[in-house]
Protein backbone atom coordinates (compact mmCIF):
# COMPACT_ATOMS: atom_id res chain seq x y z
CA MET A 1 -33.38 -31.10 -52.42
CA ARG A 2 -34.14 -28.14 -50.16
CA VAL A 3 -37.87 -28.58 -48.79
CA SER A 4 -39.21 -25.46 -46.17
CA VAL A 5 -42.47 -26.59 -43.86
CA VAL A 6 -44.01 -23.90 -42.20
CA GLY A 7 -45.69 -25.00 -39.14
CA ALA A 8 -44.61 -27.24 -36.23
CA GLY A 9 -47.18 -29.76 -35.27
CA LEU A 10 -47.07 -33.30 -35.83
CA GLY A 11 -48.22 -33.98 -39.44
CA GLY A 12 -45.03 -31.04 -40.43
CA LEU A 13 -42.90 -32.91 -37.80
CA ALA A 14 -43.18 -36.19 -39.39
CA LEU A 15 -42.97 -34.97 -42.52
CA ALA A 16 -39.30 -33.42 -41.82
CA GLN A 17 -38.42 -36.57 -39.83
CA GLY A 18 -39.08 -38.94 -42.65
CA LEU A 19 -37.16 -36.43 -45.31
CA ARG A 20 -34.24 -35.98 -43.12
CA GLY A 21 -34.13 -40.27 -42.75
CA ALA A 22 -33.77 -40.06 -46.44
CA GLY A 23 -31.03 -37.59 -46.40
CA ILE A 24 -33.57 -34.90 -47.67
CA GLU A 25 -32.99 -31.48 -46.35
CA ALA A 26 -35.94 -30.07 -44.59
CA ASP A 27 -35.93 -26.74 -42.06
CA VAL A 28 -38.67 -26.47 -40.15
CA PHE A 29 -40.24 -23.19 -39.79
CA GLU A 30 -42.79 -21.57 -36.58
CA ARG A 31 -44.37 -19.01 -35.54
CA ASP A 32 -44.46 -19.99 -31.74
CA PRO A 33 -41.87 -18.41 -30.15
CA GLY A 34 -41.10 -20.60 -28.78
CA ILE A 35 -41.11 -24.85 -29.09
CA VAL A 36 -43.51 -25.08 -26.11
CA ALA A 37 -45.43 -21.52 -26.36
CA ARG A 38 -49.02 -23.63 -26.31
CA PHE A 39 -49.11 -26.27 -24.71
CA GLN A 40 -50.14 -29.10 -27.08
CA GLY A 41 -50.92 -32.25 -24.17
CA TYR A 42 -53.73 -34.21 -25.37
CA ARG A 43 -54.59 -37.87 -25.84
CA LEU A 44 -55.06 -38.62 -29.36
CA VAL A 45 -55.90 -42.24 -30.79
CA LEU A 46 -54.32 -42.83 -33.55
CA ASN A 47 -55.53 -45.39 -36.29
CA PRO A 48 -53.90 -48.35 -38.27
CA THR A 49 -53.34 -45.55 -41.20
CA GLY A 50 -52.15 -42.77 -39.01
CA PHE A 51 -50.13 -45.46 -36.17
CA ARG A 52 -47.73 -46.94 -39.56
CA ALA A 53 -47.49 -43.26 -41.08
CA VAL A 54 -45.99 -42.31 -38.18
CA ARG A 55 -43.78 -45.16 -37.32
CA ASP A 56 -42.83 -44.81 -41.22
CA CYS A 57 -41.36 -41.44 -41.02
CA LEU A 58 -39.25 -41.61 -37.46
CA PRO A 59 -35.92 -43.64 -37.64
CA THR A 60 -36.22 -47.58 -37.13
CA ARG A 61 -33.98 -47.15 -33.85
CA TRP A 62 -36.98 -45.01 -32.47
CA HIS A 63 -39.33 -47.77 -32.86
CA PRO A 64 -39.00 -49.81 -30.15
CA LEU A 65 -39.00 -46.29 -27.94
CA LEU A 66 -42.42 -45.63 -29.87
CA ASP A 67 -44.36 -48.78 -28.71
CA GLU A 68 -43.29 -48.49 -25.68
CA ILE A 69 -45.71 -45.07 -24.97
CA VAL A 70 -48.62 -45.63 -26.51
CA MET A 71 -51.12 -47.88 -25.07
CA ASP A 72 -54.00 -50.36 -26.69
CA ALA A 73 -57.14 -47.79 -26.64
CA SER A 74 -60.45 -50.00 -26.66
CA ALA A 75 -64.09 -48.37 -25.43
CA GLU A 76 -67.62 -49.37 -25.83
CA GLN A 77 -68.90 -46.06 -26.92
CA LEU A 78 -71.59 -45.77 -24.26
CA ILE A 79 -73.81 -42.80 -24.06
CA LEU A 80 -74.36 -42.90 -19.98
CA ASP A 81 -76.38 -39.72 -17.95
CA PRO A 82 -74.95 -37.56 -15.75
CA ARG A 83 -75.34 -39.80 -12.94
CA LEU A 84 -73.03 -42.28 -15.20
CA ASN A 85 -75.82 -44.45 -16.04
CA GLU A 86 -76.15 -46.53 -19.13
CA ILE A 87 -79.15 -44.69 -22.01
CA GLY A 88 -77.59 -45.50 -24.96
CA ARG A 89 -74.68 -46.72 -27.34
CA LEU A 90 -73.25 -44.60 -30.03
CA GLY A 91 -72.03 -47.76 -32.23
CA ALA A 92 -69.87 -50.33 -32.14
CA GLY A 93 -66.19 -49.97 -30.06
CA ARG A 94 -63.80 -47.50 -31.31
CA THR A 95 -59.90 -49.30 -30.91
CA GLY A 96 -56.84 -48.03 -32.06
CA ILE A 97 -53.71 -47.02 -30.74
CA VAL A 98 -53.72 -43.86 -27.90
CA VAL A 99 -50.69 -41.93 -28.14
CA ASP A 100 -50.51 -38.52 -25.96
CA ARG A 101 -49.72 -35.02 -28.32
CA GLN A 102 -47.27 -33.78 -26.52
CA VAL A 103 -44.92 -36.86 -25.75
CA LEU A 104 -45.14 -37.55 -29.75
CA ARG A 105 -43.95 -34.21 -30.64
CA HIS A 106 -41.11 -33.76 -28.50
CA LEU A 107 -40.51 -37.09 -30.61
CA LEU A 108 -41.14 -36.08 -34.03
CA LEU A 109 -38.85 -32.97 -32.80
CA THR A 110 -35.62 -34.69 -31.99
CA GLY A 111 -32.62 -33.80 -34.51
CA LEU A 112 -34.44 -31.30 -36.37
CA THR A 113 -33.71 -27.41 -37.49
CA VAL A 114 -36.99 -25.91 -36.44
CA HIS A 115 -36.47 -21.83 -36.28
CA THR A 116 -39.09 -20.41 -34.16
CA ASP A 117 -40.75 -16.89 -34.21
CA ALA A 118 -40.69 -17.28 -37.89
CA THR A 119 -44.32 -15.99 -38.86
CA LEU A 120 -44.69 -16.09 -42.73
CA THR A 121 -45.55 -12.77 -44.32
CA GLY A 122 -45.60 -14.55 -48.61
CA TYR A 123 -43.95 -16.26 -50.65
CA ASP A 124 -41.90 -15.48 -54.24
CA VAL A 125 -42.11 -18.39 -57.42
CA LEU A 126 -38.60 -17.60 -58.79
CA ALA A 127 -37.15 -17.73 -62.18
CA ASP A 128 -35.46 -21.18 -61.49
CA GLY A 129 -38.84 -22.77 -60.41
CA THR A 130 -37.83 -22.53 -56.56
CA VAL A 131 -39.69 -20.40 -53.69
CA GLN A 132 -38.70 -18.60 -51.35
CA ALA A 133 -40.76 -17.50 -48.22
CA ARG A 134 -40.84 -14.53 -46.31
CA PHE A 135 -40.77 -14.12 -42.70
CA ALA A 136 -41.76 -11.04 -40.19
CA HIS A 137 -38.47 -11.44 -37.64
CA ARG A 138 -35.79 -13.25 -40.21
CA ASP A 139 -34.25 -13.19 -43.70
CA PRO A 140 -36.08 -15.29 -45.89
CA ALA A 141 -35.63 -19.15 -46.73
CA THR A 142 -35.54 -20.51 -50.15
CA ALA A 143 -36.49 -24.42 -50.98
CA ASP A 144 -37.21 -26.57 -54.07
CA LEU A 145 -40.51 -26.72 -52.16
CA LEU A 146 -42.78 -25.15 -49.15
CA VAL A 147 -45.11 -27.21 -47.43
CA GLY A 148 -47.47 -25.02 -45.46
CA ALA A 149 -48.52 -27.53 -42.82
CA ASP A 150 -49.42 -24.09 -40.19
CA GLY A 151 -53.05 -25.25 -39.19
CA VAL A 152 -56.80 -23.83 -39.78
CA THR A 153 -55.31 -20.21 -40.15
CA SER A 154 -53.03 -21.20 -43.03
CA ALA A 155 -50.68 -18.26 -43.91
CA VAL A 156 -49.50 -20.82 -47.01
CA ARG A 157 -52.61 -21.03 -47.85
CA GLY A 158 -53.93 -17.88 -47.34
CA VAL A 159 -51.47 -17.33 -50.90
CA LEU A 160 -51.96 -20.36 -52.35
CA SER A 161 -55.33 -20.93 -52.56
CA PRO A 162 -56.81 -17.93 -50.78
CA ARG A 163 -60.74 -18.68 -51.71
CA THR A 164 -60.00 -21.52 -49.60
CA THR A 165 -61.52 -20.66 -46.08
CA PRO A 166 -62.62 -21.65 -42.39
CA THR A 167 -65.78 -22.63 -41.62
CA ASP A 168 -66.43 -22.23 -38.05
CA THR A 169 -69.56 -24.60 -36.80
CA GLY A 170 -70.46 -22.71 -33.95
CA VAL A 171 -69.72 -25.12 -31.98
CA ARG A 172 -67.40 -24.59 -29.33
CA PHE A 173 -65.71 -26.59 -26.46
CA VAL A 174 -63.56 -27.16 -23.65
CA ILE A 175 -60.95 -29.23 -22.90
CA GLY A 176 -58.09 -30.13 -20.39
CA ARG A 177 -56.74 -32.84 -17.72
CA THR A 178 -56.98 -34.40 -14.54
CA PRO A 179 -53.83 -36.76 -13.25
CA LEU A 180 -55.33 -40.31 -13.40
CA THR A 181 -55.33 -41.53 -9.19
CA ASP A 182 -56.53 -44.39 -7.85
CA GLU A 183 -59.68 -41.73 -6.94
CA PHE A 184 -61.34 -41.77 -10.26
CA ALA A 185 -61.12 -45.73 -10.44
CA GLY A 186 -65.07 -45.47 -11.40
CA LEU A 187 -64.92 -43.84 -14.00
CA SER A 188 -63.71 -46.53 -15.82
CA LYS A 189 -67.01 -47.20 -18.22
CA ALA A 190 -66.79 -43.84 -18.83
CA TYR A 191 -63.81 -43.75 -20.64
CA GLY A 192 -64.26 -43.88 -24.53
CA SER A 193 -68.13 -42.79 -23.98
CA LYS A 194 -70.44 -39.79 -24.20
CA ILE A 195 -71.66 -38.37 -20.44
CA THR A 196 -74.57 -36.12 -21.77
CA GLY A 197 -76.97 -33.59 -19.81
CA ASP A 198 -78.00 -29.88 -19.71
CA GLY A 199 -77.86 -30.01 -23.44
CA VAL A 200 -73.94 -30.58 -23.07
CA SER A 201 -72.03 -33.59 -23.84
CA LEU A 202 -68.80 -34.27 -22.22
CA LEU A 203 -66.00 -36.79 -23.25
CA LEU A 204 -63.12 -38.88 -21.19
CA GLY A 205 -60.13 -40.64 -22.44
CA ALA A 206 -57.40 -42.01 -20.40
CA MET A 207 -53.75 -41.92 -21.06
CA ARG A 208 -51.74 -44.70 -19.47
CA PHE A 209 -48.38 -44.84 -20.53
CA ARG A 210 -47.02 -48.55 -20.33
CA THR A 211 -43.65 -47.02 -19.13
CA PRO A 212 -43.68 -43.27 -17.74
CA PRO A 213 -42.33 -41.05 -21.61
CA LYS A 214 -39.22 -39.77 -19.78
CA GLN A 215 -38.15 -42.97 -18.05
CA ALA A 216 -38.42 -45.08 -21.62
CA ALA A 217 -36.63 -42.70 -23.63
CA GLU A 218 -33.70 -42.65 -21.14
CA GLN A 219 -33.75 -46.65 -21.19
CA LEU A 220 -34.50 -46.81 -25.19
CA ALA A 221 -33.56 -44.20 -26.99
CA PRO A 222 -31.27 -42.21 -25.33
CA ASP A 223 -30.88 -39.57 -27.86
CA VAL A 224 -34.67 -38.20 -27.14
CA THR A 225 -35.97 -35.87 -24.29
CA LEU A 226 -39.33 -36.92 -23.27
CA PRO A 227 -42.00 -34.86 -21.21
CA ASP A 228 -41.94 -35.74 -17.79
CA ILE A 229 -45.88 -36.38 -17.43
CA GLY A 230 -47.52 -39.28 -15.57
CA ASP A 231 -51.08 -41.42 -16.55
CA TYR A 232 -54.11 -38.83 -16.43
CA VAL A 233 -57.64 -38.63 -17.89
CA ARG A 234 -58.22 -36.03 -20.93
CA TRP A 235 -62.06 -34.52 -21.28
CA ALA A 236 -63.95 -32.34 -22.95
CA MET A 237 -66.84 -30.72 -23.36
CA ILE A 238 -69.14 -30.23 -25.93
CA LEU A 239 -70.45 -26.54 -25.23
CA PRO A 240 -74.17 -25.24 -26.79
CA SER A 241 -73.45 -22.19 -29.39
CA ASN A 242 -76.07 -20.02 -27.00
CA GLY A 243 -73.96 -19.75 -24.43
CA SER A 244 -72.08 -16.75 -23.30
CA LEU A 245 -68.40 -17.87 -21.82
CA GLU A 246 -66.45 -15.19 -22.43
CA GLU A 247 -66.00 -13.78 -18.47
CA LEU A 248 -66.08 -17.63 -17.52
CA THR A 249 -62.53 -19.25 -17.05
CA ALA A 250 -61.92 -22.72 -19.05
CA GLN A 251 -63.52 -24.71 -15.77
CA ASP A 252 -66.00 -22.56 -14.52
CA ALA A 253 -67.36 -23.11 -18.09
CA VAL A 254 -67.82 -27.01 -17.53
CA LEU A 255 -69.25 -26.89 -13.55
CA SER A 256 -71.24 -24.12 -14.70
CA ARG A 257 -72.99 -26.79 -16.22
CA MET A 258 -72.84 -29.97 -13.92
CA GLU A 259 -75.05 -28.86 -11.23
CA GLY A 260 -76.58 -32.70 -9.88
CA TRP A 261 -73.98 -34.20 -11.18
CA HIS A 262 -71.82 -37.15 -10.11
CA PRO A 263 -69.14 -36.34 -7.54
CA GLU A 264 -66.74 -37.97 -9.18
CA LEU A 265 -67.47 -35.82 -12.35
CA ARG A 266 -67.61 -32.75 -11.38
CA ALA A 267 -64.40 -33.40 -8.69
CA LEU A 268 -62.30 -34.52 -12.21
CA ILE A 269 -62.63 -31.15 -13.08
CA GLU A 270 -62.32 -29.34 -10.16
CA GLN A 271 -58.46 -30.82 -9.78
CA ALA A 272 -57.61 -30.28 -13.74
CA ASP A 273 -54.90 -28.38 -14.25
CA PRO A 274 -56.13 -25.35 -15.29
CA ASP A 275 -53.09 -23.99 -17.13
CA ASN A 276 -53.97 -27.22 -19.58
CA SER A 277 -57.41 -26.43 -20.00
CA THR A 278 -59.14 -24.07 -22.50
CA LEU A 279 -61.85 -23.25 -24.40
CA LEU A 280 -61.55 -23.53 -28.17
CA SER A 281 -64.05 -23.14 -31.23
CA ILE A 282 -64.54 -26.29 -33.69
CA ARG A 283 -63.93 -25.36 -37.31
CA VAL A 284 -63.50 -26.65 -40.55
CA VAL A 285 -61.25 -26.38 -43.79
CA LYS A 286 -62.96 -28.18 -46.24
CA PRO A 287 -60.97 -28.59 -49.99
CA GLY A 288 -61.94 -26.67 -52.66
CA GLU A 289 -60.46 -26.68 -56.01
CA ARG A 290 -56.52 -27.57 -56.91
CA TRP A 291 -54.69 -24.87 -57.60
CA ALA A 292 -52.02 -25.07 -60.23
CA SER A 293 -49.44 -27.51 -59.70
CA GLY A 294 -46.28 -25.74 -57.85
CA PRO A 295 -43.65 -25.95 -55.55
CA VAL A 296 -46.33 -25.33 -53.09
CA THR A 297 -48.32 -27.31 -51.89
CA LEU A 298 -51.07 -27.65 -48.05
CA LEU A 299 -50.77 -31.06 -45.72
CA GLY A 300 -52.94 -31.46 -42.36
CA ASP A 301 -55.46 -28.86 -41.00
CA ALA A 302 -54.22 -26.15 -43.67
CA ILE A 303 -56.23 -27.83 -46.55
CA HIS A 304 -58.35 -29.99 -44.49
CA ALA A 305 -59.29 -29.34 -40.58
CA THR A 306 -61.77 -31.49 -39.22
CA SER A 307 -64.25 -31.42 -36.16
CA PRO A 308 -62.62 -33.36 -33.14
CA THR A 309 -65.82 -35.33 -33.42
CA GLY A 310 -64.61 -37.53 -36.59
CA GLY A 311 -61.37 -38.51 -34.39
CA ASN A 312 -59.37 -38.38 -37.69
CA GLY A 313 -57.26 -35.32 -37.65
CA ALA A 314 -54.28 -36.21 -36.68
CA ASN A 315 -54.39 -39.50 -38.84
CA THR A 316 -55.72 -38.07 -42.29
CA ALA A 317 -52.41 -35.42 -41.64
CA LEU A 318 -50.12 -37.79 -40.58
CA ARG A 319 -51.21 -40.00 -43.64
CA ASP A 320 -50.20 -37.03 -45.60
CA ALA A 321 -47.01 -36.75 -44.36
CA ASP A 322 -45.97 -40.47 -44.86
CA LEU A 323 -47.76 -39.72 -48.61
CA LEU A 324 -45.69 -36.90 -49.75
CA ARG A 325 -42.74 -37.78 -47.81
CA ARG A 326 -42.43 -41.00 -50.72
CA CYS A 327 -43.53 -39.05 -53.30
CA LEU A 328 -40.43 -36.13 -52.87
CA ILE A 329 -37.93 -39.47 -52.45
CA ASP A 330 -39.39 -40.44 -55.87
CA ALA A 331 -38.40 -37.36 -57.19
CA ASP A 332 -35.05 -37.20 -55.24
CA GLU A 333 -33.79 -40.37 -56.22
CA GLY A 334 -34.75 -39.39 -60.02
CA ARG A 335 -37.78 -41.89 -60.55
CA ARG A 336 -39.43 -38.33 -61.11
CA ASP A 337 -39.68 -34.99 -61.55
CA LEU A 338 -40.30 -32.50 -58.70
CA LEU A 339 -43.87 -31.36 -59.46
CA GLY A 340 -45.37 -34.69 -61.01
CA ALA A 341 -44.41 -35.74 -57.42
CA VAL A 342 -46.20 -32.40 -55.66
CA GLY A 343 -49.17 -33.08 -58.12
CA ASP A 344 -49.62 -36.46 -57.62
CA TYR A 345 -49.63 -36.45 -53.68
CA GLU A 346 -51.96 -33.50 -54.30
CA ARG A 347 -54.49 -35.73 -56.17
CA GLN A 348 -54.81 -38.45 -53.22
CA MET A 349 -54.37 -35.83 -50.22
CA PHE A 350 -57.49 -34.24 -52.04
CA GLU A 351 -59.36 -37.15 -52.04
CA TYR A 352 -59.05 -38.28 -48.51
CA GLY A 353 -58.87 -35.59 -47.17
CA ALA A 354 -62.05 -34.11 -48.45
CA GLU A 355 -63.71 -37.54 -47.44
CA ALA A 356 -61.85 -37.03 -43.56
CA VAL A 357 -63.73 -33.72 -42.82
CA ARG A 358 -66.82 -35.20 -44.60
CA SER A 359 -67.33 -38.41 -42.34
CA SER A 360 -66.26 -36.11 -39.04
CA LEU A 361 -69.18 -33.59 -40.39
CA GLU A 362 -71.89 -35.89 -40.43
CA LYS A 363 -70.38 -37.32 -36.20
CA LEU A 364 -70.84 -33.66 -35.17
CA PRO A 365 -74.85 -33.46 -34.29
CA ALA A 366 -74.92 -36.45 -32.18
CA PHE A 367 -72.60 -34.08 -30.15
CA ALA A 368 -74.25 -30.52 -31.36
CA PRO A 369 -76.98 -31.30 -32.77
CA GLU A 370 -77.25 -27.29 -33.35
CA ALA A 371 -73.94 -27.45 -35.25
CA LYS A 372 -73.42 -25.14 -38.53
CA LEU A 373 -72.79 -27.56 -41.27
CA SER A 374 -73.66 -25.69 -44.93
């Protein structure tokens, strides 16, 4: 069996790693001109399902390294005012496993065949049931299965399910990171909480490595090379939809909303790395009608993009990867046919994917009351 995966995000890479470990050939095609063309280094929280999924997709020899580069997450989820006074609670404290996206992505990239500058222009299902993917700047690639793991603007989805399109919630947010130094020790109670004022919400999260990733890889898995980064604070400000941001840098857009805020909060933004701060929109993709069964399917944000306020986007993509991996292994080992295996994956994925989108949108008004949820 041969599988073509379009998109080198966490879900697509986890699938490719899982298939590679089972002896199934998997090529990854990424439209970016290089693997590190875009910064993807923010912390994320994996729930038990997401962490187990990525662990099961990785070779067992890398499990000790994975365990060393994550941290346990525990936050009270308070609501604080701009001077860091507690004014409420968001709900039950959140727990899970914290991992850095950039570090995890480099681990997942290890040993894979990844073709960059590979922009998909379309695909054709051939007479023998295989599928040929066409690209703008490279020769076509033929496989038994084509997996669209290419995000919210998925080119694969545009052909497979053209009526399934992203919805813009109207909410914008700025995300960035700042080295975690002793200067910000006083902010510890704000990690995992929401700071609210002047119509905006600021969210903070600490990333503390048990062992620095580069050092951990050298000690535990010499065949893996991980980024040389240290502890940091991930921050994100959710902005009202009526703000004009076109002429502001990401940091200035945040600082312009923080007049009179606690000086440590302002210093956190001022000392952020401007190259790793960016303005993003919150768009969602809701799974619609199932497409006809065939040798093409979708994974992750390509079919169920969630609002980040749900904290379930990466978890759901990794769950997809592990489920599809298991289904394809069954097909490769003759326990079922390929289309039956893909159909089983899609039936389960549509159900929990739709729920992930719904629950993420349910949480969005607590951070952005003006969000368009229809």
